[in-house]
Amino acid sequence: MHEVKTTRPTKVLFPKDGITKGELIDYYRRIAPRMIPHLEGRPLAMQRFPDGIEKFGFFQKAAAPYYPEWIRKVTVKKAGGTVQHVICEDTDTLVYLANQACITFHTWLSRDDRIHFPDELIFDLDRSAAALSDVIDGAHLLKAILHDLDLPAFLKATGGNGLHVVVPLQPMHDFETVRSFARSVAQRLIEQDPSRYTLEIHKAKRGRRVFVDINRNAYAQTAVAPYSVRARDGAPIAIPIAWSELGKRNFRPDAVTIRNVFDRAHDPWKDFRRRAVSLDHALGRLEQHHAA
């Protein structure tokens, strides 16, 4: 245990909701047992808003030189040099970073002991101008494709407009292999309904289609961590959800917030890591599909 001094707890970070830094810190302290298993070993990128979400915010990747020595860090290679990232593996670190007005945590898809081999595969269904029903249908279609490839599929509401469909992996294949696989799966989805789904990066060319974003599956790219607060009015949370929740009449990807999250007793991702699989079998099945 380390002494973590919190400062200015009454400072309002979410003006329209009156949510203070103290409330943010308390949230992260309470959620730590569920959140930290999804942070352990992963380099962090931190989204900070020292003066609240309506003022200037910034992404911080490199650990600040004033961070205490007990906060674990890892140095990773990047284009042009190296960056020393924070790794959060305990409640004290999470609270310390929240006190730095870090509202949202973004993590690598690999861990520092196997940095070039991701242990997650993510499909980000970006709503853009599409209907929410198309995002929901796309998630179900992806789940069916992954099931056909004998892969587990977990679901996360981003706290914004979209959904993440996530596959836990054994870290056996490099990012290039995983990203290529993700693209092939996304293409199978798009083949089923090209009028609603696309791999088009440019928003102006998507129309009202859902962007199936597989670009997070690359070295040094990040995704919003489960249980992270988003810098949006209401303080919504990127929350693991059960597939059955998509069928609820009033489902919204931003419905779970810092103020109602603890009403949820269940953890839909409690066996997430235990269900990690190798891509070997799925890669073989995908080759058979292409041959057919």
C-alpha atoms as a PDB file:
ATOM      1  CA  MET A   1       0.000   0.000   0.000  1.00  0.00           C
ATOM      2  CA  HIS A   2       1.153   3.516  -0.800  1.00  0.00           C
ATOM      3  CA  GLU A   3      -0.039   6.839   0.510  1.00  0.00           C
ATOM      4  CA  VAL A   4      -1.864   8.642  -2.281  1.00  0.00           C
ATOM      5  CA  LYS A   5      -2.667  12.245  -1.515  1.00  0.00           C
ATOM      6  CA  THR A   6      -5.701  13.549  -3.373  1.00  0.00           C
ATOM      7  CA  THR A   7      -6.011  17.213  -4.188  1.00  0.00           C
ATOM      8  CA  ARG A   8      -8.897  19.564  -5.015  1.00  0.00           C
ATOM      9  CA  PRO A   9     -11.622  16.893  -4.655  1.00  0.00           C
ATOM     10  CA  THR A  10     -14.389  19.489  -5.028  1.00  0.00           C
ATOM     11  CA  LYS A  11     -13.167  20.633  -8.461  1.00  0.00           C
ATOM     12  CA  VAL A  12     -15.975  20.061 -10.965  1.00  0.00           C
ATOM     13  CA  LEU A  13     -14.871  18.012 -13.980  1.00  0.00           C
ATOM     14  CA  PHE A  14     -18.317  17.464 -15.548  1.00  0.00           C
ATOM     15  CA  PRO A  15     -20.010  20.888 -15.252  1.00  0.00           C
ATOM     16  CA  LYS A  16     -23.453  19.940 -16.578  1.00  0.00           C
ATOM     17  CA  ASP A  17     -23.719  17.114 -14.053  1.00  0.00           C
ATOM     18  CA  GLY A  18     -21.800  18.573 -11.125  1.00  0.00           C
ATOM     19  CA  ILE A  19     -19.473  15.563 -11.037  1.00  0.00           C
ATOM     20  CA  THR A  20     -16.307  16.396  -9.138  1.00  0.00           C
ATOM     21  CA  LYS A  21     -12.786  15.059  -9.186  1.00  0.00           C
ATOM     22  CA  GLY A  22     -13.474  13.510  -5.800  1.00  0.00           C
ATOM     23  CA  GLU A  23     -16.397  11.573  -7.283  1.00  0.00           C
ATOM     24  CA  LEU A  24     -14.191  10.407 -10.174  1.00  0.00           C
ATOM     25  CA  ILE A  25     -11.488   9.258  -7.768  1.00  0.00           C
ATOM     26  CA  ASP A  26     -14.029   7.431  -5.600  1.00  0.00           C
ATOM     27  CA  TYR A  27     -15.428   5.684  -8.678  1.00  0.00           C
ATOM     28  CA  TYR A  28     -12.043   4.401  -9.761  1.00  0.00           C
ATOM     29  CA  ARG A  29     -11.200   3.294  -6.219  1.00  0.00           C
ATOM     30  CA  ARG A  30     -14.424   1.266  -6.020  1.00  0.00           C
ATOM     31  CA  ILE A  31     -14.274  -0.199  -9.536  1.00  0.00           C
ATOM     32  CA  ALA A  32     -10.590  -1.171  -9.276  1.00  0.00           C
ATOM     33  CA  PRO A  33     -11.157  -4.884  -8.497  1.00  0.00           C
ATOM     34  CA  ARG A  34     -13.063  -5.311 -11.777  1.00  0.00           C
ATOM     35  CA  MET A  35     -11.007  -2.903 -13.872  1.00  0.00           C
ATOM     36  CA  ILE A  36      -7.414  -3.712 -12.982  1.00  0.00           C
ATOM     37  CA  PRO A  37      -7.397  -7.241 -14.504  1.00  0.00           C
ATOM     38  CA  HIS A  38      -8.041  -5.510 -17.852  1.00  0.00           C
ATOM     39  CA  LEU A  39      -5.161  -3.064 -17.281  1.00  0.00           C
ATOM     40  CA  GLU A  40      -2.443  -5.344 -15.928  1.00  0.00           C
ATOM     41  CA  GLY A  41       0.665  -5.442 -18.099  1.00  0.00           C
ATOM     42  CA  ARG A  42      -0.763  -3.068 -20.693  1.00  0.00           C
ATOM     43  CA  PRO A  43       0.907   0.253 -21.623  1.00  0.00           C
ATOM     44  CA  LEU A  44      -1.540   3.085 -20.982  1.00  0.00           C
ATOM     45  CA  ALA A  45      -2.504   6.201 -22.880  1.00  0.00           C
ATOM     46  CA  MET A  46      -4.306   8.602 -20.567  1.00  0.00           C
ATOM     47  CA  GLN A  47      -6.896  11.179 -21.537  1.00  0.00           C
ATOM     48  CA  ARG A  48      -6.652  14.055 -19.053  1.00  0.00           C
ATOM     49  CA  PHE A  49      -8.869  17.096 -18.458  1.00  0.00           C
ATOM     50  CA  PRO A  50      -7.293  19.138 -15.641  1.00  0.00           C
ATOM     51  CA  ASP A  51      -9.930  21.878 -15.931  1.00  0.00           C
ATOM     52  CA  GLY A  52     -12.911  19.685 -16.765  1.00  0.00           C
ATOM     53  CA  ILE A  53     -14.327  18.216 -19.939  1.00  0.00           C
ATOM     54  CA  GLU A  54     -15.492  21.556 -21.342  1.00  0.00           C
ATOM     55  CA  LYS A  55     -11.943  22.898 -21.293  1.00  0.00           C
ATOM     56  CA  PHE A  56      -8.700  21.805 -22.926  1.00  0.00           C
ATOM     57  CA  GLY A  57      -7.896  18.098 -22.608  1.00  0.00           C
ATOM     58  CA  PHE A  58      -5.017  16.029 -23.918  1.00  0.00           C
ATOM     59  CA  PHE A  59      -3.696  12.519 -24.406  1.00  0.00           C
ATOM     60  CA  GLN A  60      -0.668  11.609 -22.357  1.00  0.00           C
ATOM     61  CA  LYS A  61       1.327   8.555 -23.404  1.00  0.00           C
ATOM     62  CA  ALA A  62       4.673   9.094 -21.671  1.00  0.00           C
ATOM     63  CA  ALA A  63       4.884   8.755 -17.896  1.00  0.00           C
ATOM     64  CA  ALA A  64       5.554  12.134 -16.302  1.00  0.00           C
ATOM     65  CA  PRO A  65       8.962  12.482 -14.609  1.00  0.00           C
ATOM     66  CA  TYR A  66       7.312  13.446 -11.316  1.00  0.00           C
ATOM     67  CA  TYR A  67       5.338  10.207 -11.020  1.00  0.00           C
ATOM     68  CA  PRO A  68       6.359   8.283  -7.881  1.00  0.00           C
ATOM     69  CA  GLU A  69       8.846   5.438  -8.221  1.00  0.00           C
ATOM     70  CA  TRP A  70       6.322   2.851  -7.046  1.00  0.00           C
ATOM     71  CA  ILE A  71       4.229   3.335 -10.205  1.00  0.00           C
ATOM     72  CA  ARG A  72       5.298   0.662 -12.665  1.00  0.00           C
ATOM     73  CA  LYS A  73       6.460   1.758 -16.093  1.00  0.00           C
ATOM     74  CA  VAL A  74       7.600   0.043 -19.264  1.00  0.00           C
ATOM     75  CA  THR A  75       9.718   1.410 -22.094  1.00  0.00           C
ATOM     76  CA  VAL A  76       8.500   0.419 -25.539  1.00  0.00           C
ATOM     77  CA  LYS A  77       9.861   1.047 -28.993  1.00  0.00           C
ATOM     78  CA  LYS A  78       7.997   3.519 -31.180  1.00  0.00           C
ATOM     79  CA  ALA A  79       8.771   5.097 -34.537  1.00  0.00           C
ATOM     80  CA  GLY A  80      11.692   7.419 -33.973  1.00  0.00           C
ATOM     81  CA  GLY A  81      12.644   6.183 -30.522  1.00  0.00           C
ATOM     82  CA  THR A  82      11.059   4.912 -27.317  1.00  0.00           C
ATOM     83  CA  VAL A  83       8.287   5.912 -24.922  1.00  0.00           C
ATOM     84  CA  GLN A  84       7.991   5.056 -21.241  1.00  0.00           C
ATOM     85  CA  HIS A  85       4.373   4.175 -20.517  1.00  0.00           C
ATOM     86  CA  VAL A  86       2.601   3.720 -17.208  1.00  0.00           C
ATOM     87  CA  ILE A  87       1.254   0.279 -16.372  1.00  0.00           C
ATOM     88  CA  CYS A  88      -1.564   0.200 -13.828  1.00  0.00           C
ATOM     89  CA  GLU A  89      -1.653  -2.927 -11.705  1.00  0.00           C
ATOM     90  CA  ASP A  90      -3.073  -1.750  -8.375  1.00  0.00           C
ATOM     91  CA  THR A  91      -5.705   0.502  -6.852  1.00  0.00           C
ATOM     92  CA  ASP A  92      -3.144   3.043  -5.637  1.00  0.00           C
ATOM     93  CA  THR A  93      -1.906   3.674  -9.178  1.00  0.00           C
ATOM     94  CA  LEU A  94      -5.464   4.008 -10.479  1.00  0.00           C
ATOM     95  CA  VAL A  95      -6.327   6.521  -7.759  1.00  0.00           C
ATOM     96  CA  TYR A  96      -3.100   8.463  -8.323  1.00  0.00           C
ATOM     97  CA  LEU A  97      -3.852   8.809 -12.036  1.00  0.00           C
ATOM     98  CA  ALA A  98      -7.481   9.788 -11.388  1.00  0.00           C
ATOM     99  CA  ASN A  99      -6.156  12.524  -9.098  1.00  0.00           C
ATOM    100  CA  GLN A 100      -4.181  13.750 -12.117  1.00  0.00           C
ATOM    101  CA  ALA A 101      -7.604  14.298 -13.777  1.00  0.00           C
ATOM    102  CA  CYS A 102      -7.145  11.261 -15.982  1.00  0.00           C
ATOM    103  CA  ILE A 103     -10.743  10.614 -16.964  1.00  0.00           C
ATOM    104  CA  THR A 104     -10.301   7.901 -19.610  1.00  0.00           C
ATOM    105  CA  PHE A 105      -7.788   5.063 -19.850  1.00  0.00           C
ATOM    106  CA  HIS A 106      -6.812   3.568 -23.200  1.00  0.00           C
ATOM    107  CA  THR A 107      -4.786   0.359 -23.317  1.00  0.00           C
ATOM    108  CA  TRP A 108      -2.634  -1.519 -25.766  1.00  0.00           C
ATOM    109  CA  LEU A 109      -3.992  -4.820 -27.053  1.00  0.00           C
ATOM    110  CA  SER A 110      -0.821  -6.578 -25.896  1.00  0.00           C
ATOM    111  CA  ARG A 111       0.986  -6.871 -22.581  1.00  0.00           C
ATOM    112  CA  ASP A 112       4.550  -5.913 -21.806  1.00  0.00           C
ATOM    113  CA  ASP A 113       5.801  -9.510 -21.517  1.00  0.00           C
ATOM    114  CA  ARG A 114       4.585 -10.294 -25.084  1.00  0.00           C
ATOM    115  CA  ILE A 115       4.449  -6.800 -26.508  1.00  0.00           C
ATOM    116  CA  HIS A 116       4.342  -7.808 -30.196  1.00  0.00           C
ATOM    117  CA  PHE A 117       1.662 -10.474 -29.682  1.00  0.00           C
ATOM    118  CA  PRO A 118      -1.857  -9.194 -28.892  1.00  0.00           C
ATOM    119  CA  ASP A 119      -4.080 -11.060 -26.476  1.00  0.00           C
ATOM    120  CA  GLU A 120      -7.219  -9.263 -27.650  1.00  0.00           C
ATOM    121  CA  LEU A 121      -8.838  -8.779 -31.044  1.00  0.00           C
ATOM    122  CA  ILE A 122     -11.266  -5.862 -31.328  1.00  0.00           C
ATOM    123  CA  PHE A 123     -13.939  -4.969 -33.857  1.00  0.00           C
ATOM    124  CA  ASP A 124     -15.052  -1.394 -33.254  1.00  0.00           C
ATOM    125  CA  LEU A 125     -18.511  -0.818 -34.695  1.00  0.00           C
ATOM    126  CA  ASP A 126     -18.451   2.940 -35.221  1.00  0.00           C
ATOM    127  CA  ARG A 127     -21.946   4.312 -35.600  1.00  0.00           C
ATOM    128  CA  SER A 128     -21.076   7.623 -37.304  1.00  0.00           C
ATOM    129  CA  ALA A 129     -24.316   8.575 -39.081  1.00  0.00           C
ATOM    130  CA  ALA A 130     -25.763   5.062 -39.033  1.00  0.00           C
ATOM    131  CA  ALA A 131     -28.791   3.921 -37.080  1.00  0.00           C
ATOM    132  CA  LEU A 132     -28.149   2.318 -33.696  1.00  0.00           C
ATOM    133  CA  SER A 133     -30.147  -0.697 -34.885  1.00  0.00           C
ATOM    134  CA  ASP A 134     -27.534  -1.245 -37.612  1.00  0.00           C
ATOM    135  CA  VAL A 135     -24.765  -1.245 -35.006  1.00  0.00           C
ATOM    136  CA  ILE A 136     -26.676  -3.786 -32.915  1.00  0.00           C
ATOM    137  CA  ASP A 137     -27.393  -5.984 -35.933  1.00  0.00           C
ATOM    138  CA  GLY A 138     -23.724  -5.764 -36.946  1.00  0.00           C
ATOM    139  CA  ALA A 139     -22.640  -6.968 -33.516  1.00  0.00           C
ATOM    140  CA  HIS A 140     -24.937  -9.999 -33.799  1.00  0.00           C
ATOM    141  CA  LEU A 141     -23.673 -10.757 -37.309  1.00  0.00           C
ATOM    142  CA  LEU A 142     -20.075 -10.581 -36.099  1.00  0.00           C
ATOM    143  CA  LYS A 143     -20.873 -12.882 -33.205  1.00  0.00           C
ATOM    144  CA  ALA A 144     -22.353 -15.429 -35.624  1.00  0.00           C
ATOM    145  CA  ILE A 145     -19.283 -15.286 -37.881  1.00  0.00           C
ATOM    146  CA  LEU A 146     -16.947 -15.691 -34.904  1.00  0.00           C
ATOM    147  CA  HIS A 147     -19.073 -18.569 -33.573  1.00  0.00           C
ATOM    148  CA  ASP A 148     -18.743 -20.259 -36.963  1.00  0.00           C
ATOM    149  CA  LEU A 149     -14.963 -19.961 -36.542  1.00  0.00           C
ATOM    150  CA  ASP A 150     -15.182 -21.415 -32.998  1.00  0.00           C
ATOM    151  CA  LEU A 151     -14.175 -18.134 -31.400  1.00  0.00           C
ATOM    152  CA  PRO A 152     -15.706 -16.552 -28.277  1.00  0.00           C
ATOM    153  CA  ALA A 153     -17.165 -13.067 -28.632  1.00  0.00           C
ATOM    154  CA  PHE A 154     -17.523 -10.577 -25.790  1.00  0.00           C
ATOM    155  CA  LEU A 155     -19.336  -7.273 -25.954  1.00  0.00           C
ATOM    156  CA  LYS A 156     -18.481  -3.813 -24.657  1.00  0.00           C
ATOM    157  CA  ALA A 157     -20.571  -0.652 -24.897  1.00  0.00           C
ATOM    158  CA  THR A 158     -18.103   2.143 -25.539  1.00  0.00           C
ATOM    159  CA  GLY A 159     -19.851   4.821 -23.503  1.00  0.00           C
ATOM    160  CA  GLY A 160     -20.202   6.725 -26.764  1.00  0.00           C
ATOM    161  CA  ASN A 161     -22.108   5.746 -29.908  1.00  0.00           C
ATOM    162  CA  GLY A 162     -20.678   2.343 -30.696  1.00  0.00           C
ATOM    163  CA  LEU A 163     -19.949  -1.195 -29.611  1.00  0.00           C
ATOM    164  CA  HIS A 164     -16.781  -3.253 -29.366  1.00  0.00           C
ATOM    165  CA  VAL A 165     -16.896  -6.962 -30.157  1.00  0.00           C
ATOM    166  CA  VAL A 166     -13.830  -8.454 -28.481  1.00  0.00           C
ATOM    167  CA  VAL A 167     -12.143 -11.847 -28.774  1.00  0.00           C
ATOM    168  CA  PRO A 168      -9.716 -12.889 -25.996  1.00  0.00           C
ATOM    169  CA  LEU A 169      -6.613 -14.432 -27.546  1.00  0.00           C
ATOM    170  CA  GLN A 170      -3.666 -16.472 -26.465  1.00  0.00           C
ATOM    171  CA  PRO A 171      -0.706 -14.239 -27.433  1.00  0.00           C
ATOM    172  CA  MET A 172       0.680 -16.535 -30.117  1.00  0.00           C
ATOM    173  CA  HIS A 173       0.311 -14.492 -33.326  1.00  0.00           C
ATOM    174  CA  ASP A 174       1.784 -11.099 -34.164  1.00  0.00           C
ATOM    175  CA  PHE A 175      -0.229  -7.975 -34.864  1.00  0.00           C
ATOM    176  CA  GLU A 176       0.052  -8.315 -38.636  1.00  0.00           C
ATOM    177  CA  THR A 177      -1.521 -11.770 -38.537  1.00  0.00           C
ATOM    178  CA  VAL A 178      -4.272 -10.724 -36.132  1.00  0.00           C
ATOM    179  CA  ARG A 179      -5.124  -7.586 -38.088  1.00  0.00           C
ATOM    180  CA  SER A 180      -5.232  -9.493 -41.380  1.00  0.00           C
ATOM    181  CA  PHE A 181      -7.571 -12.020 -39.771  1.00  0.00           C
ATOM    182  CA  ALA A 182      -9.768  -9.224 -38.417  1.00  0.00           C
ATOM    183  CA  ARG A 183     -10.001  -7.683 -41.881  1.00  0.00           C
ATOM    184  CA  SER A 184     -11.100 -11.000 -43.386  1.00  0.00           C
ATOM    185  CA  VAL A 185     -13.806 -11.403 -40.750  1.00  0.00           C
ATOM    186  CA  ALA A 186     -14.977  -7.824 -41.300  1.00  0.00           C
ATOM    187  CA  GLN A 187     -15.160  -8.456 -45.033  1.00  0.00           C
ATOM    188  CA  ARG A 188     -17.397 -11.470 -44.403  1.00  0.00           C
ATOM    189  CA  LEU A 189     -19.717  -9.214 -42.427  1.00  0.00           C
ATOM    190  CA  ILE A 190     -19.766  -6.580 -45.151  1.00  0.00           C
ATOM    191  CA  GLU A 191     -20.479  -9.209 -47.824  1.00  0.00           C
ATOM    192  CA  GLN A 192     -23.714 -10.003 -45.991  1.00  0.00           C
ATOM    193  CA  ASP A 193     -24.973  -6.422 -46.162  1.00  0.00           C
ATOM    194  CA  PRO A 194     -22.743  -3.909 -47.983  1.00  0.00           C
ATOM    195  CA  SER A 195     -25.490  -1.296 -47.794  1.00  0.00           C
ATOM    196  CA  ARG A 196     -25.105  -1.082 -44.003  1.00  0.00           C
ATOM    197  CA  TYR A 197     -21.459  -1.932 -43.268  1.00  0.00           C
ATOM    198  CA  THR A 198     -18.129  -0.718 -44.597  1.00  0.00           C
ATOM    199  CA  LEU A 199     -14.358  -0.668 -44.074  1.00  0.00           C
ATOM    200  CA  GLU A 200     -14.205   2.852 -45.524  1.00  0.00           C
ATOM    201  CA  ILE A 201     -11.971   5.009 -43.309  1.00  0.00           C
ATOM    202  CA  HIS A 202     -13.145   8.386 -44.658  1.00  0.00           C
ATOM    203  CA  LYS A 203     -16.380   9.506 -43.009  1.00  0.00           C
ATOM    204  CA  ALA A 204     -17.543  11.411 -46.071  1.00  0.00           C
ATOM    205  CA  LYS A 205     -17.526   8.187 -48.094  1.00  0.00           C
ATOM    206  CA  ARG A 206     -19.387   6.032 -45.578  1.00  0.00           C
ATOM    207  CA  GLY A 207     -22.802   7.598 -45.987  1.00  0.00           C
ATOM    208  CA  ARG A 208     -25.053   6.112 -43.319  1.00  0.00           C
ATOM    209  CA  ARG A 209     -23.121   2.842 -43.084  1.00  0.00           C
ATOM    210  CA  VAL A 210     -21.502   1.464 -39.924  1.00  0.00           C
ATOM    211  CA  PHE A 211     -17.704   1.620 -40.027  1.00  0.00           C
ATOM    212  CA  VAL A 212     -16.262  -1.767 -39.029  1.00  0.00           C
ATOM    213  CA  ASP A 213     -12.991  -0.491 -37.602  1.00  0.00           C
ATOM    214  CA  ILE A 214     -10.264  -3.143 -37.319  1.00  0.00           C
ATOM    215  CA  ASN A 215      -7.415  -0.619 -37.181  1.00  0.00           C
ATOM    216  CA  ARG A 216      -6.943  -0.888 -33.424  1.00  0.00           C
ATOM    217  CA  ASN A 217      -5.435  -4.323 -34.004  1.00  0.00           C
ATOM    218  CA  ALA A 218      -1.936  -2.959 -34.559  1.00  0.00           C
ATOM    219  CA  TYR A 219       1.228  -2.388 -32.563  1.00  0.00           C
ATOM    220  CA  ALA A 220       1.038   0.696 -30.299  1.00  0.00           C
ATOM    221  CA  GLN A 221      -2.668   1.264 -31.076  1.00  0.00           C
ATOM    222  CA  THR A 222      -5.095   1.460 -28.169  1.00  0.00           C
ATOM    223  CA  ALA A 223      -8.716   0.877 -27.230  1.00  0.00           C
ATOM    224  CA  VAL A 224     -10.735   2.349 -24.393  1.00  0.00           C
ATOM    225  CA  ALA A 225     -10.320   0.131 -21.344  1.00  0.00           C
ATOM    226  CA  PRO A 226     -13.306  -1.614 -19.784  1.00  0.00           C
ATOM    227  CA  TYR A 227     -14.830   0.471 -16.969  1.00  0.00           C
ATOM    228  CA  SER A 228     -13.194   3.705 -18.151  1.00  0.00           C
ATOM    229  CA  VAL A 229     -15.193   6.883 -17.749  1.00  0.00           C
ATOM    230  CA  ARG A 230     -15.701   8.827 -20.976  1.00  0.00           C
ATOM    231  CA  ALA A 231     -15.210  12.589 -21.192  1.00  0.00           C
ATOM    232  CA  ARG A 232     -18.838  13.224 -22.098  1.00  0.00           C
ATOM    233  CA  ASP A 233     -21.799  14.789 -20.333  1.00  0.00           C
ATOM    234  CA  GLY A 234     -23.222  12.354 -17.810  1.00  0.00           C
ATOM    235  CA  ALA A 235     -19.861  10.571 -17.334  1.00  0.00           C
ATOM    236  CA  PRO A 236     -20.834   7.409 -19.252  1.00  0.00           C
ATOM    237  CA  ILE A 237     -18.661   4.312 -18.910  1.00  0.00           C
ATOM    238  CA  ALA A 238     -17.148   1.904 -21.411  1.00  0.00           C
ATOM    239  CA  ILE A 239     -18.840  -1.106 -19.888  1.00  0.00           C
ATOM    240  CA  PRO A 240     -18.731  -4.869 -20.532  1.00  0.00           C
ATOM    241  CA  ILE A 241     -22.271  -5.969 -21.270  1.00  0.00           C
ATOM    242  CA  ALA A 242     -24.125  -9.223 -21.838  1.00  0.00           C
ATOM    243  CA  TRP A 243     -25.368  -9.999 -25.329  1.00  0.00           C
ATOM    244  CA  SER A 244     -28.901 -10.154 -23.980  1.00  0.00           C
ATOM    245  CA  GLU A 245     -28.723  -6.441 -23.136  1.00  0.00           C
ATOM    246  CA  LEU A 246     -28.799  -5.555 -26.842  1.00  0.00           C
ATOM    247  CA  GLY A 247     -32.386  -6.722 -26.905  1.00  0.00           C
ATOM    248  CA  LYS A 248     -33.574  -4.274 -24.281  1.00  0.00           C
ATOM    249  CA  ARG A 249     -36.031  -1.730 -25.608  1.00  0.00           C
ATOM    250  CA  ASN A 250     -34.155   1.342 -24.407  1.00  0.00           C
ATOM    251  CA  PHE A 251     -30.598   0.085 -24.892  1.00  0.00           C
ATOM    252  CA  ARG A 252     -27.971   2.787 -25.463  1.00  0.00           C
ATOM    253  CA  PRO A 253     -24.173   2.377 -25.547  1.00  0.00           C
ATOM    254  CA  ASP A 254     -23.837   5.331 -23.166  1.00  0.00           C
ATOM    255  CA  ALA A 255     -26.535   4.388 -20.660  1.00  0.00           C
ATOM    256  CA  VAL A 256     -24.237   3.170 -17.876  1.00  0.00           C
ATOM    257  CA  THR A 257     -22.668   6.074 -15.998  1.00  0.00           C
ATOM    258  CA  ILE A 258     -20.471   6.810 -13.037  1.00  0.00           C
ATOM    259  CA  ARG A 259     -23.629   7.252 -10.962  1.00  0.00           C
ATOM    260  CA  ASN A 260     -25.500   4.054 -11.836  1.00  0.00           C
ATOM    261  CA  VAL A 261     -22.774   1.526 -12.620  1.00  0.00           C
ATOM    262  CA  PHE A 262     -22.788   0.006  -9.148  1.00  0.00           C
ATOM    263  CA  ASP A 263     -26.425  -0.943  -9.619  1.00  0.00           C
ATOM    264  CA  ARG A 264     -25.075  -3.665 -11.919  1.00  0.00           C
ATOM    265  CA  ALA A 265     -24.239  -6.678  -9.753  1.00  0.00           C
ATOM    266  CA  HIS A 266     -23.112  -9.008 -12.550  1.00  0.00           C
ATOM    267  CA  ASP A 267     -19.841  -9.023 -14.488  1.00  0.00           C
ATOM    268  CA  PRO A 268     -20.411 -10.322 -18.047  1.00  0.00           C
ATOM    269  CA  TRP A 269     -16.647 -10.593 -18.550  1.00  0.00           C
ATOM    270  CA  LYS A 270     -15.791 -12.566 -15.412  1.00  0.00           C
ATOM    271  CA  ASP A 271     -14.454 -15.486 -17.487  1.00  0.00           C
ATOM    272  CA  PHE A 272     -13.008 -13.303 -20.283  1.00  0.00           C
ATOM    273  CA  ARG A 273      -9.377 -14.327 -19.832  1.00  0.00           C
ATOM    274  CA  ARG A 274     -10.176 -17.978 -19.128  1.00  0.00           C
ATOM    275  CA  ARG A 275     -11.793 -18.232 -22.569  1.00  0.00           C
ATOM    276  CA  ALA A 276      -8.733 -16.997 -24.469  1.00  0.00           C
ATOM    277  CA  VAL A 277      -8.075 -19.043 -27.598  1.00  0.00           C
ATOM    278  CA  SER A 278      -5.441 -19.493 -30.266  1.00  0.00           C
ATOM    279  CA  LEU A 279      -6.278 -18.240 -33.762  1.00  0.00           C
ATOM    280  CA  ASP A 280      -4.758 -21.329 -35.400  1.00  0.00           C
ATOM    281  CA  HIS A 281      -8.035 -23.195 -35.856  1.00  0.00           C
ATOM    282  CA  ALA A 282      -9.935 -20.082 -36.943  1.00  0.00           C
ATOM    283  CA  LEU A 283      -7.273 -19.194 -39.503  1.00  0.00           C
ATOM    284  CA  GLY A 284      -7.676 -22.653 -40.997  1.00  0.00           C
ATOM    285  CA  ARG A 285     -11.452 -22.322 -41.103  1.00  0.00           C
ATOM    286  CA  LEU A 286     -11.144 -18.933 -42.755  1.00  0.00           C
ATOM    287  CA  GLU A 287      -8.879 -20.367 -45.462  1.00  0.00           C
ATOM    288  CA  GLN A 288     -11.480 -23.059 -46.153  1.00  0.00           C
ATOM    289  CA  HIS A 289     -14.125 -20.345 -46.504  1.00  0.00           C
ATOM    290  CA  HIS A 290     -12.008 -18.431 -49.020  1.00  0.00           C
ATOM    291  CA  ALA A 291     -11.326 -21.624 -50.967  1.00  0.00           C
ATOM    292  CA  ALA A 292     -15.039 -22.359 -51.124  1.00  0.00           C
END
